[in-house]
Every structure is written in structure tokens, then in C-alpha cells.
């Protein structure tokens, strides 16, 4: 029996997260990401993006909530 092909819907790539200005952790991760891109290490660059997103969500979101 022949296999039926279904359409594949690809999403647009997600842009790199921006580091929070003045945050040493965000800055260090952004520099590591840039170095990984320069070296052609897309896996490490992606890992850095994940870490920036996690750090931003955990640290900087919590800081905004505590100020309110």
C-alpha cells in the first residue's frame, strides 16, 4: 500500500533573544553565543539562546514582579 504524504508546515525561525542591558550573565551568554556562531557551532549557539531565555524569564521577570 502506498504511503500518503501530508503537507509539512514549517515555522519561521525564532530570532535570537536580546540580552538585558547591564546584566553580566546575559552579556556573557550573548558573547558565548556570538563566539559559537563565529565558530560555526550552531548547537552551542542554540544552547546559549535557551540559557538567555531561561535566565531572562527566571531572573528579570522575577525582578519586575517584585518591583510592582
Protein backbone atom coordinates (compact mmCIF):
# COMPACT_ATOMS: atom_id res chain seq x y z
CA UNK A 1 0.00 0.00 0.00
CA UNK A 2 1.49 3.39 -0.96
CA UNK A 3 2.27 5.89 1.75
CA UNK A 4 0.30 9.08 1.73
CA UNK A 5 2.27 12.25 2.06
CA UNK A 6 0.96 15.07 4.16
CA UNK A 7 1.98 18.69 3.87
CA UNK A 8 4.65 19.87 6.24
CA UNK A 9 4.20 23.29 7.77
CA UNK A 10 7.47 24.91 8.73
CA UNK A 11 7.60 27.86 11.07
CA UNK A 12 9.76 30.91 10.67
CA UNK A 13 12.98 30.67 12.66
CA UNK A 14 12.81 32.33 16.05
CA UNK A 15 15.09 35.33 16.41
CA UNK A 16 17.88 35.34 18.96
CA UNK A 17 16.86 36.68 22.37
CA UNK A 18 18.30 40.06 23.28
CA UNK A 19 20.40 40.21 26.43
CA UNK A 20 19.14 42.56 29.13
CA UNK A 21 21.27 45.70 29.20
CA UNK A 22 23.54 45.87 32.23
CA UNK A 23 23.17 42.19 33.14
CA UNK A 24 26.54 40.43 33.35
CA UNK A 25 25.01 36.96 32.90
CA UNK A 26 23.06 37.98 29.80
CA UNK A 27 26.13 39.70 28.39
CA UNK A 28 28.36 36.68 28.97
CA UNK A 29 25.85 34.33 27.35
CA UNK A 30 25.48 36.67 24.37
CA UNK A 31 29.27 36.76 23.92
CA UNK A 32 29.42 32.96 24.10
CA UNK A 33 26.62 32.77 21.54
CA UNK A 34 28.43 35.15 19.19
CA UNK A 35 31.64 33.12 19.52
CA UNK A 36 29.70 29.93 18.78
CA UNK A 37 28.19 31.48 15.65
CA UNK A 38 31.64 32.64 14.55
CA UNK A 39 32.98 29.10 15.05
CA UNK A 40 30.03 27.60 13.16
CA UNK A 41 28.80 25.76 16.26
CA UNK A 42 25.05 26.14 15.85
CA UNK A 43 24.34 23.67 18.66
CA UNK A 44 26.22 25.77 21.20
CA UNK A 45 24.66 28.97 19.86
CA UNK A 46 21.22 27.41 20.33
CA UNK A 47 22.15 26.31 23.85
CA UNK A 48 23.16 29.89 24.66
CA UNK A 49 19.85 31.18 23.31
CA UNK A 50 17.98 28.73 25.54
CA UNK A 51 20.02 29.82 28.56
CA UNK A 52 19.41 33.51 27.82
CA UNK A 53 15.67 32.88 27.57
CA UNK A 54 15.60 30.85 30.79
CA UNK A 55 17.73 33.36 32.67
CA UNK A 56 15.65 36.29 31.44
CA UNK A 57 12.36 34.59 32.28
CA UNK A 58 13.53 33.49 35.72
CA UNK A 59 15.63 36.42 36.86
CA UNK A 60 14.44 39.51 35.07
CA UNK A 61 10.74 38.64 35.13
CA UNK A 62 11.00 37.99 38.88
CA UNK A 63 12.72 41.35 39.35
CA UNK A 64 9.92 43.17 37.51
CA UNK A 65 7.27 41.36 39.57
CA UNK A 66 8.91 42.26 42.88
CA UNK A 67 9.04 45.94 41.92
CA UNK A 68 5.31 46.17 41.23
